[in-house]
Amino acid sequence: YAGFNVTMALGRFAGGLIIQRFGRAPVLRVAGTLAS
């Protein structure tokens, strides 16, 4: 459970740069697939 929350936080800190590079829609497509 701690690992789940840590990756939530780390993903958010890194997410801004990734979205700037690739765009929201592609990142969310990968994010939803990864979570599922």
PDB file of all heavy atoms in Angstrom:
ATOM      1  N   TYR A   1       0.836  -1.205   0.000  1.00  0.00           N
ATOM      2  CA  TYR A   1       0.000   0.000   0.000  1.00  0.00           C
ATOM      3  C   TYR A   1       0.873   1.258   0.000  1.00  0.00           C
ATOM      4  O   TYR A   1       0.580   2.230  -0.700  1.00  0.00           O
ATOM      5  CB  TYR A   1      -0.919  -0.014   1.223  1.00  0.00           C
ATOM      6  CG  TYR A   1      -1.719   1.253   1.393  1.00  0.00           C
ATOM      7  CD1 TYR A   1      -2.673   1.619   0.455  1.00  0.00           C
ATOM      8  CD2 TYR A   1      -1.517   2.087   2.481  1.00  0.00           C
ATOM      9  CE1 TYR A   1      -3.413   2.783   0.598  1.00  0.00           C
ATOM     10  CE2 TYR A   1      -2.240   3.249   2.639  1.00  0.00           C
ATOM     11  CZ  TYR A   1      -3.192   3.589   1.693  1.00  0.00           C
ATOM     12  OH  TYR A   1      -3.908   4.740   1.837  1.00  0.00           O
ATOM     13  N   ALA A   2       1.966   1.237   0.770  1.00  0.00           N
ATOM     14  CA  ALA A   2       2.881   2.376   0.775  1.00  0.00           C
ATOM     15  C   ALA A   2       3.495   2.570  -0.611  1.00  0.00           C
ATOM     16  O   ALA A   2       3.641   3.700  -1.088  1.00  0.00           O
ATOM     17  CB  ALA A   2       3.978   2.165   1.815  1.00  0.00           C
ATOM     18  N   GLY A   3       3.841   1.456  -1.266  1.00  0.00           N
ATOM     19  CA  GLY A   3       4.398   1.550  -2.608  1.00  0.00           C
ATOM     20  C   GLY A   3       3.427   2.173  -3.585  1.00  0.00           C
ATOM     21  O   GLY A   3       3.820   2.970  -4.451  1.00  0.00           O
ATOM     22  N   PHE A   4       2.152   1.842  -3.452  1.00  0.00           N
ATOM     23  CA  PHE A   4       1.116   2.452  -4.301  1.00  0.00           C
ATOM     24  C   PHE A   4       1.124   3.966  -4.143  1.00  0.00           C
ATOM     25  O   PHE A   4       1.111   4.711  -5.130  1.00  0.00           O
ATOM     26  CB  PHE A   4      -0.251   1.882  -3.918  1.00  0.00           C
ATOM     27  CG  PHE A   4      -1.416   2.601  -4.549  1.00  0.00           C
ATOM     28  CD1 PHE A   4      -1.852   2.265  -5.810  1.00  0.00           C
ATOM     29  CD2 PHE A   4      -2.070   3.621  -3.863  1.00  0.00           C
ATOM     30  CE1 PHE A   4      -2.917   2.942  -6.403  1.00  0.00           C
ATOM     31  CE2 PHE A   4      -3.140   4.297  -4.439  1.00  0.00           C
ATOM     32  CZ  PHE A   4      -3.564   3.945  -5.714  1.00  0.00           C
ATOM     33  N   ASN A   5       1.168   4.450  -2.906  1.00  0.00           N
ATOM     34  CA  ASN A   5       1.113   5.890  -2.664  1.00  0.00           C
ATOM     35  C   ASN A   5       2.401   6.602  -3.066  1.00  0.00           C
ATOM     36  O   ASN A   5       2.368   7.738  -3.548  1.00  0.00           O
ATOM     37  CB  ASN A   5       0.794   6.152  -1.190  1.00  0.00           C
ATOM     38  CG  ASN A   5      -0.675   5.950  -0.881  1.00  0.00           C
ATOM     39  OD1 ASN A   5      -1.511   6.783  -1.177  1.00  0.00           O
ATOM     40  ND2 ASN A   5      -0.998   4.811  -0.284  1.00  0.00           N
ATOM     41  N   VAL A   6       3.539   5.935  -2.884  1.00  0.00           N
ATOM     42  CA  VAL A   6       4.803   6.536  -3.289  1.00  0.00           C
ATOM     43  C   VAL A   6       4.835   6.729  -4.805  1.00  0.00           C
ATOM     44  O   VAL A   6       5.241   7.781  -5.311  1.00  0.00           O
ATOM     45  CB  VAL A   6       5.987   5.677  -2.813  1.00  0.00           C
ATOM     46  CG1 VAL A   6       7.281   6.133  -3.487  1.00  0.00           C
ATOM     47  CG2 VAL A   6       6.140   5.766  -1.302  1.00  0.00           C
ATOM     48  N   THR A   7       4.415   5.704  -5.550  1.00  0.00           N
ATOM     49  CA  THR A   7       4.414   5.850  -7.007  1.00  0.00           C
ATOM     50  C   THR A   7       3.390   6.884  -7.465  1.00  0.00           C
ATOM     51  O   THR A   7       3.592   7.545  -8.486  1.00  0.00           O
ATOM     52  CB  THR A   7       4.130   4.509  -7.696  1.00  0.00           C
ATOM     53  OG1 THR A   7       2.915   3.931  -7.173  1.00  0.00           O
ATOM     54  CG2 THR A   7       5.275   3.533  -7.482  1.00  0.00           C
ATOM     55  N   MET A   8       2.298   7.031  -6.720  1.00  0.00           N
ATOM     56  CA  MET A   8       1.340   8.099  -7.034  1.00  0.00           C
ATOM     57  C   MET A   8       2.028   9.457  -6.959  1.00  0.00           C
ATOM     58  O   MET A   8       1.903  10.302  -7.860  1.00  0.00           O
ATOM     59  CB  MET A   8       0.170   8.056  -6.053  1.00  0.00           C
ATOM     60  CG  MET A   8      -0.854   6.979  -6.319  1.00  0.00           C
ATOM     61  SD  MET A   8      -2.016   7.392  -7.640  1.00  0.00           S
ATOM     62  CE  MET A   8      -2.911   8.738  -6.874  1.00  0.00           C
ATOM     63  N   ALA A   9       2.763   9.686  -5.873  1.00  0.00           N
ATOM     64  CA  ALA A   9       3.430  10.976  -5.696  1.00  0.00           C
ATOM     65  C   ALA A   9       4.531  11.180  -6.726  1.00  0.00           C
ATOM     66  O   ALA A   9       4.633  12.237  -7.357  1.00  0.00           O
ATOM     67  CB  ALA A   9       3.995  11.072  -4.278  1.00  0.00           C
ATOM     68  N   LEU A  10       5.380  10.163  -6.913  1.00  0.00           N
ATOM     69  CA  LEU A  10       6.480  10.295  -7.865  1.00  0.00           C
ATOM     70  C   LEU A  10       5.968  10.485  -9.285  1.00  0.00           C
ATOM     71  O   LEU A  10       6.526  11.265 -10.069  1.00  0.00           O
ATOM     72  CB  LEU A  10       7.382   9.056  -7.786  1.00  0.00           C
ATOM     73  CG  LEU A  10       8.150   8.858  -6.480  1.00  0.00           C
ATOM     74  CD1 LEU A  10       8.971   7.582  -6.529  1.00  0.00           C
ATOM     75  CD2 LEU A  10       9.039  10.055  -6.189  1.00  0.00           C
ATOM     76  N   GLY A  11       4.895   9.770  -9.627  1.00  0.00           N
ATOM     77  CA  GLY A  11       4.318   9.911 -10.958  1.00  0.00           C
ATOM     78  C   GLY A  11       3.810  11.315 -11.203  1.00  0.00           C
ATOM     79  O   GLY A  11       3.922  11.849 -12.318  1.00  0.00           O
ATOM     80  N   ARG A  12       3.276  11.944 -10.175  1.00  0.00           N
ATOM     81  CA  ARG A  12       2.776  13.308 -10.337  1.00  0.00           C
ATOM     82  C   ARG A  12       3.919  14.307 -10.483  1.00  0.00           C
ATOM     83  O   ARG A  12       3.827  15.257 -11.264  1.00  0.00           O
ATOM     84  CB  ARG A  12       1.875  13.670  -9.152  1.00  0.00           C
ATOM     85  CG  ARG A  12       0.517  13.006  -9.257  1.00  0.00           C
ATOM     86  CD  ARG A  12      -0.350  13.185  -8.041  1.00  0.00           C
ATOM     87  NE  ARG A  12      -1.710  12.725  -8.323  1.00  0.00           N
ATOM     88  CZ  ARG A  12      -2.662  12.592  -7.420  1.00  0.00           C
ATOM     89  NH1 ARG A  12      -2.407  12.884  -6.143  1.00  0.00           N
ATOM     90  NH2 ARG A  12      -3.862  12.176  -7.755  1.00  0.00           N
ATOM     91  N   PHE A  13       4.998  14.102  -9.755  1.00  0.00           N
ATOM     92  CA  PHE A  13       6.118  15.027  -9.879  1.00  0.00           C
ATOM     93  C   PHE A  13       6.794  14.911 -11.240  1.00  0.00           C
ATOM     94  O   PHE A  13       7.299  15.901 -11.767  1.00  0.00           O
ATOM     95  CB  PHE A  13       7.126  14.795  -8.755  1.00  0.00           C
ATOM     96  CG  PHE A  13       6.769  15.492  -7.483  1.00  0.00           C
ATOM     97  CD1 PHE A  13       6.222  14.800  -6.422  1.00  0.00           C
ATOM     98  CD2 PHE A  13       6.956  16.853  -7.351  1.00  0.00           C
ATOM     99  CE1 PHE A  13       5.872  15.443  -5.240  1.00  0.00           C
ATOM    100  CE2 PHE A  13       6.613  17.518  -6.178  1.00  0.00           C
ATOM    101  CZ  PHE A  13       6.065  16.812  -5.119  1.00  0.00           C
ATOM    102  N   ALA A  14       6.810  13.717 -11.801  1.00  0.00           N
ATOM    103  CA  ALA A  14       7.427  13.535 -13.118  1.00  0.00           C
ATOM    104  C   ALA A  14       6.437  13.764 -14.254  1.00  0.00           C
ATOM    105  O   ALA A  14       6.844  13.988 -15.395  1.00  0.00           O
ATOM    106  CB  ALA A  14       8.014  12.125 -13.223  1.00  0.00           C
ATOM    107  N   GLY A  15       5.151  13.710 -13.932  1.00  0.00           N
ATOM    108  CA  GLY A  15       4.132  13.730 -14.979  1.00  0.00           C
ATOM    109  C   GLY A  15       4.087  15.007 -15.794  1.00  0.00           C
ATOM    110  O   GLY A  15       3.800  14.976 -16.999  1.00  0.00           O
ATOM    111  N   GLY A  16       4.358  16.141 -15.153  1.00  0.00           N
ATOM    112  CA  GLY A  16       4.283  17.409 -15.876  1.00  0.00           C
ATOM    113  C   GLY A  16       5.232  17.449 -17.062  1.00  0.00           C
ATOM    114  O   GLY A  16       4.850  17.824 -18.181  1.00  0.00           O
ATOM    115  N   LEU A  17       6.484  17.061 -16.848  1.00  0.00           N
ATOM    116  CA  LEU A  17       7.469  17.065 -17.923  1.00  0.00           C
ATOM    117  C   LEU A  17       7.097  16.069 -19.011  1.00  0.00           C
ATOM    118  O   LEU A  17       7.287  16.342 -20.211  1.00  0.00           O
ATOM    119  CB  LEU A  17       8.849  16.741 -17.361  1.00  0.00           C
ATOM    120  CG  LEU A  17       9.462  17.780 -16.409  1.00  0.00           C
ATOM    121  CD1 LEU A  17      10.789  17.284 -15.859  1.00  0.00           C
ATOM    122  CD2 LEU A  17       9.647  19.111 -17.129  1.00  0.00           C
ATOM    123  N   ILE A  18       6.566  14.918 -18.621  1.00  0.00           N
ATOM    124  CA  ILE A  18       6.201  13.904 -19.609  1.00  0.00           C
ATOM    125  C   ILE A  18       5.032  14.385 -20.469  1.00  0.00           C
ATOM    126  O   ILE A  18       5.030  14.219 -21.698  1.00  0.00           O
ATOM    127  CB  ILE A  18       5.839  12.578 -18.899  1.00  0.00           C
ATOM    128  CG1 ILE A  18       7.074  12.025 -18.175  1.00  0.00           C
ATOM    129  CG2 ILE A  18       5.311  11.550 -19.895  1.00  0.00           C
ATOM    130  CD1 ILE A  18       6.794  10.821 -17.320  1.00  0.00           C
ATOM    131  N   ILE A  19       4.051  15.019 -19.834  1.00  0.00           N
ATOM    132  CA  ILE A  19       2.907  15.534 -20.588  1.00  0.00           C
ATOM    133  C   ILE A  19       3.331  16.659 -21.521  1.00  0.00           C
ATOM    134  O   ILE A  19       2.853  16.757 -22.657  1.00  0.00           O
ATOM    135  CB  ILE A  19       1.799  15.985 -19.625  1.00  0.00           C
ATOM    136  CG1 ILE A  19       1.195  14.772 -18.908  1.00  0.00           C
ATOM    137  CG2 ILE A  19       0.694  16.743 -20.372  1.00  0.00           C
ATOM    138  CD1 ILE A  19       0.240  15.122 -17.796  1.00  0.00           C
ATOM    139  N   GLN A  20       4.228  17.527 -21.064  1.00  0.00           N
ATOM    140  CA  GLN A  20       4.736  18.584 -21.932  1.00  0.00           C
ATOM    141  C   GLN A  20       5.430  18.005 -23.162  1.00  0.00           C
ATOM    142  O   GLN A  20       5.343  18.568 -24.258  1.00  0.00           O
ATOM    143  CB  GLN A  20       5.721  19.468 -21.162  1.00  0.00           C
ATOM    144  CG  GLN A  20       5.052  20.501 -20.285  1.00  0.00           C
ATOM    145  CD  GLN A  20       6.052  21.404 -19.598  1.00  0.00           C
ATOM    146  OE1 GLN A  20       5.749  21.964 -18.570  1.00  0.00           O
ATOM    147  NE2 GLN A  20       7.233  21.563 -20.160  1.00  0.00           N
ATOM    148  N   ARG A  21       6.076  16.890 -22.978  1.00  0.00           N
ATOM    149  CA  ARG A  21       6.833  16.300 -24.087  1.00  0.00           C
ATOM    150  C   ARG A  21       5.921  15.549 -25.059  1.00  0.00           C
ATOM    151  O   ARG A  21       6.082  15.658 -26.279  1.00  0.00           O
ATOM    152  CB  ARG A  21       7.888  15.335 -23.524  1.00  0.00           C
ATOM    153  CG  ARG A  21       8.713  14.606 -24.581  1.00  0.00           C
ATOM    154  CD  ARG A  21       9.574  15.581 -25.350  1.00  0.00           C
ATOM    155  NE  ARG A  21      10.382  14.906 -26.355  1.00  0.00           N
ATOM    156  CZ  ARG A  21       9.953  14.587 -27.588  1.00  0.00           C
ATOM    157  NH1 ARG A  21       8.709  14.890 -27.940  1.00  0.00           N
ATOM    158  NH2 ARG A  21      10.762  13.972 -28.425  1.00  0.00           N
ATOM    159  N   PHE A  22       4.939  14.813 -24.549  1.00  0.00           N
ATOM    160  CA  PHE A  22       4.153  13.936 -25.413  1.00  0.00           C
ATOM    161  C   PHE A  22       2.686  14.339 -25.552  1.00  0.00           C
ATOM    162  O   PHE A  22       2.000  13.846 -26.451  1.00  0.00           O
ATOM    163  CB  PHE A  22       4.223  12.491 -24.888  1.00  0.00           C
ATOM    164  CG  PHE A  22       5.608  11.924 -24.878  1.00  0.00           C
ATOM    165  CD1 PHE A  22       6.323  11.838 -23.689  1.00  0.00           C
ATOM    166  CD2 PHE A  22       6.210  11.498 -26.048  1.00  0.00           C
ATOM    167  CE1 PHE A  22       7.607  11.310 -23.678  1.00  0.00           C
ATOM    168  CE2 PHE A  22       7.495  10.975 -26.037  1.00  0.00           C
ATOM    169  CZ  PHE A  22       8.197  10.887 -24.849  1.00  0.00           C
ATOM    170  N   GLY A  23       2.182  15.203 -24.682  1.00  0.00           N
ATOM    171  CA  GLY A  23       0.787  15.601 -24.751  1.00  0.00           C
ATOM    172  C   GLY A  23      -0.079  14.801 -23.795  1.00  0.00           C
ATOM    173  O   GLY A  23       0.250  13.665 -23.424  1.00  0.00           O
ATOM    174  N   ARG A  24      -1.220  15.402 -23.398  1.00  0.00           N
ATOM    175  CA  ARG A  24      -2.086  14.767 -22.393  1.00  0.00           C
ATOM    176  C   ARG A  24      -2.697  13.463 -22.878  1.00  0.00           C
ATOM    177  O   ARG A  24      -2.700  12.456 -22.167  1.00  0.00           O
ATOM    178  CB  ARG A  24      -3.189  15.722 -21.961  1.00  0.00           C
ATOM    179  CG  ARG A  24      -2.826  16.627 -20.812  1.00  0.00           C
ATOM    180  CD  ARG A  24      -4.051  17.189 -20.119  1.00  0.00           C
ATOM    181  NE  ARG A  24      -4.914  17.898 -21.027  1.00  0.00           N
ATOM    182  CZ  ARG A  24      -4.945  19.226 -21.172  1.00  0.00           C
ATOM    183  NH1 ARG A  24      -4.128  19.982 -20.457  1.00  0.00           N
ATOM    184  NH2 ARG A  24      -5.770  19.803 -22.007  1.00  0.00           N
ATOM    185  N   ALA A  25      -3.283  13.470 -24.095  1.00  0.00           N
ATOM    186  CA  ALA A  25      -4.007  12.285 -24.556  1.00  0.00           C
ATOM    187  C   ALA A  25      -3.113  11.051 -24.652  1.00  0.00           C
ATOM    188  O   ALA A  25      -3.481   9.980 -24.127  1.00  0.00           O
ATOM    189  CB  ALA A  25      -4.693  12.581 -25.895  1.00  0.00           C
ATOM    190  N   PRO A  26      -1.936  11.119 -25.283  1.00  0.00           N
ATOM    191  CA  PRO A  26      -1.078   9.929 -25.316  1.00  0.00           C
ATOM    192  C   PRO A  26      -0.657   9.446 -23.932  1.00  0.00           C
ATOM    193  O   PRO A  26      -0.618   8.238 -23.669  1.00  0.00           O
ATOM    194  CB  PRO A  26       0.131  10.392 -26.139  1.00  0.00           C
ATOM    195  CG  PRO A  26      -0.368  11.522 -26.962  1.00  0.00           C
ATOM    196  CD  PRO A  26      -1.379  12.218 -26.094  1.00  0.00           C
ATOM    197  N   VAL A  27      -0.340  10.400 -23.039  1.00  0.00           N
ATOM    198  CA  VAL A  27       0.083  10.006 -21.696  1.00  0.00           C
ATOM    199  C   VAL A  27      -1.066   9.329 -20.946  1.00  0.00           C
ATOM    200  O   VAL A  27      -0.868   8.306 -20.278  1.00  0.00           O
ATOM    201  CB  VAL A  27       0.606  11.225 -20.914  1.00  0.00           C
ATOM    202  CG1 VAL A  27       0.835  10.870 -19.445  1.00  0.00           C
ATOM    203  CG2 VAL A  27       1.905  11.739 -21.527  1.00  0.00           C
ATOM    204  N   LEU A  28      -2.279   9.866 -21.055  1.00  0.00           N
ATOM    205  CA  LEU A  28      -3.415   9.259 -20.368  1.00  0.00           C
ATOM    206  C   LEU A  28      -3.759   7.892 -20.964  1.00  0.00           C
ATOM    207  O   LEU A  28      -4.211   6.995 -20.250  1.00  0.00           O
ATOM    208  CB  LEU A  28      -4.631  10.178 -20.440  1.00  0.00           C
ATOM    209  CG  LEU A  28      -4.550  11.464 -19.619  1.00  0.00           C
ATOM    210  CD1 LEU A  28      -5.881  12.204 -19.649  1.00  0.00           C
ATOM    211  CD2 LEU A  28      -4.142  11.182 -18.182  1.00  0.00           C
ATOM    212  N   ARG A  29      -3.559   7.743 -22.252  1.00  0.00           N
ATOM    213  CA  ARG A  29      -3.812   6.435 -22.868  1.00  0.00           C
ATOM    214  C   ARG A  29      -2.877   5.379 -22.270  1.00  0.00           C
ATOM    215  O   ARG A  29      -3.311   4.276 -21.909  1.00  0.00           O
ATOM    216  CB  ARG A  29      -3.635   6.533 -24.380  1.00  0.00           C
ATOM    217  CG  ARG A  29      -4.113   5.293 -25.130  1.00  0.00           C
ATOM    218  CD  ARG A  29      -3.975   5.466 -26.636  1.00  0.00           C
ATOM    219  NE  ARG A  29      -4.881   6.510 -27.121  1.00  0.00           N
ATOM    220  CZ  ARG A  29      -4.486   7.665 -27.626  1.00  0.00           C
ATOM    221  NH1 ARG A  29      -3.197   7.956 -27.694  1.00  0.00           N
ATOM    222  NH2 ARG A  29      -5.360   8.546 -28.066  1.00  0.00           N
ATOM    223  N   VAL A  30      -1.605   5.729 -22.158  1.00  0.00           N
ATOM    224  CA  VAL A  30      -0.639   4.805 -21.558  1.00  0.00           C
ATOM    225  C   VAL A  30      -0.929   4.615 -20.069  1.00  0.00           C
ATOM    226  O   VAL A  30      -0.853   3.496 -19.542  1.00  0.00           O
ATOM    227  CB  VAL A  30       0.796   5.328 -21.771  1.00  0.00           C
ATOM    228  CG1 VAL A  30       1.799   4.471 -21.002  1.00  0.00           C
ATOM    229  CG2 VAL A  30       1.139   5.346 -23.253  1.00  0.00           C
ATOM    230  N   ALA A  31      -1.286   5.712 -19.383  1.00  0.00           N
ATOM    231  CA  ALA A  31      -1.534   5.644 -17.935  1.00  0.00           C
ATOM    232  C   ALA A  31      -2.705   4.724 -17.620  1.00  0.00           C
ATOM    233  O   ALA A  31      -2.625   3.886 -16.708  1.00  0.00           O
ATOM    234  CB  ALA A  31      -1.799   7.045 -17.396  1.00  0.00           C
ATOM    235  N   GLY A  32      -3.806   4.869 -18.360  1.00  0.00           N
ATOM    236  CA  GLY A  32      -4.960   4.008 -18.120  1.00  0.00           C
ATOM    237  C   GLY A  32      -4.654   2.551 -18.390  1.00  0.00           C
ATOM    238  O   GLY A  32      -5.075   1.657 -17.642  1.00  0.00           O
ATOM    239  N   THR A  33      -3.920   2.289 -19.464  1.00  0.00           N
ATOM    240  CA  THR A  33      -3.545   0.912 -19.792  1.00  0.00           C
ATOM    241  C   THR A  33      -2.629   0.329 -18.728  1.00  0.00           C
ATOM    242  O   THR A  33      -2.782  -0.835 -18.319  1.00  0.00           O
ATOM    243  CB  THR A  33      -2.847   0.872 -21.161  1.00  0.00           C
ATOM    244  OG1 THR A  33      -3.711   1.438 -22.156  1.00  0.00           O
ATOM    245  CG2 THR A  33      -2.503  -0.555 -21.552  1.00  0.00           C
ATOM    246  N   LEU A  34      -1.670   1.131 -18.255  1.00  0.00           N
ATOM    247  CA  LEU A  34      -0.740   0.667 -17.219  1.00  0.00           C
ATOM    248  C   LEU A  34      -1.474   0.337 -15.928  1.00  0.00           C
ATOM    249  O   LEU A  34      -1.234  -0.711 -15.311  1.00  0.00           O
ATOM    250  CB  LEU A  34       0.322   1.732 -16.966  1.00  0.00           C
ATOM    251  CG  LEU A  34       1.356   1.427 -15.871  1.00  0.00           C
ATOM    252  CD1 LEU A  34       2.190   0.210 -16.246  1.00  0.00           C
ATOM    253  CD2 LEU A  34       2.261   2.639 -15.630  1.00  0.00           C
ATOM    254  N   ALA A  35      -2.370   1.227 -15.504  1.00  0.00           N
ATOM    255  CA  ALA A  35      -3.107   0.989 -14.260  1.00  0.00           C
ATOM    256  C   ALA A  35      -3.984  -0.247 -14.376  1.00  0.00           C
ATOM    257  O   ALA A  35      -4.030  -1.084 -13.464  1.00  0.00           O
ATOM    258  CB  ALA A  35      -3.952   2.214 -13.921  1.00  0.00           C
ATOM    259  N   SER A  36      -4.688  -0.376 -15.489  1.00  0.00           N
ATOM    260  CA  SER A  36      -5.560  -1.536 -15.680  1.00  0.00           C
ATOM    261  C   SER A  36      -4.759  -2.833 -15.691  1.00  0.00           C
ATOM    262  O   SER A  36      -5.154  -3.832 -15.065  1.00  0.00           O
ATOM    263  CB  SER A  36      -6.339  -1.384 -16.988  1.00  0.00           C
ATOM    264  OG  SER A  36      -7.192  -2.491 -17.199  1.00  0.00           O
TER     265      SER A  36
END
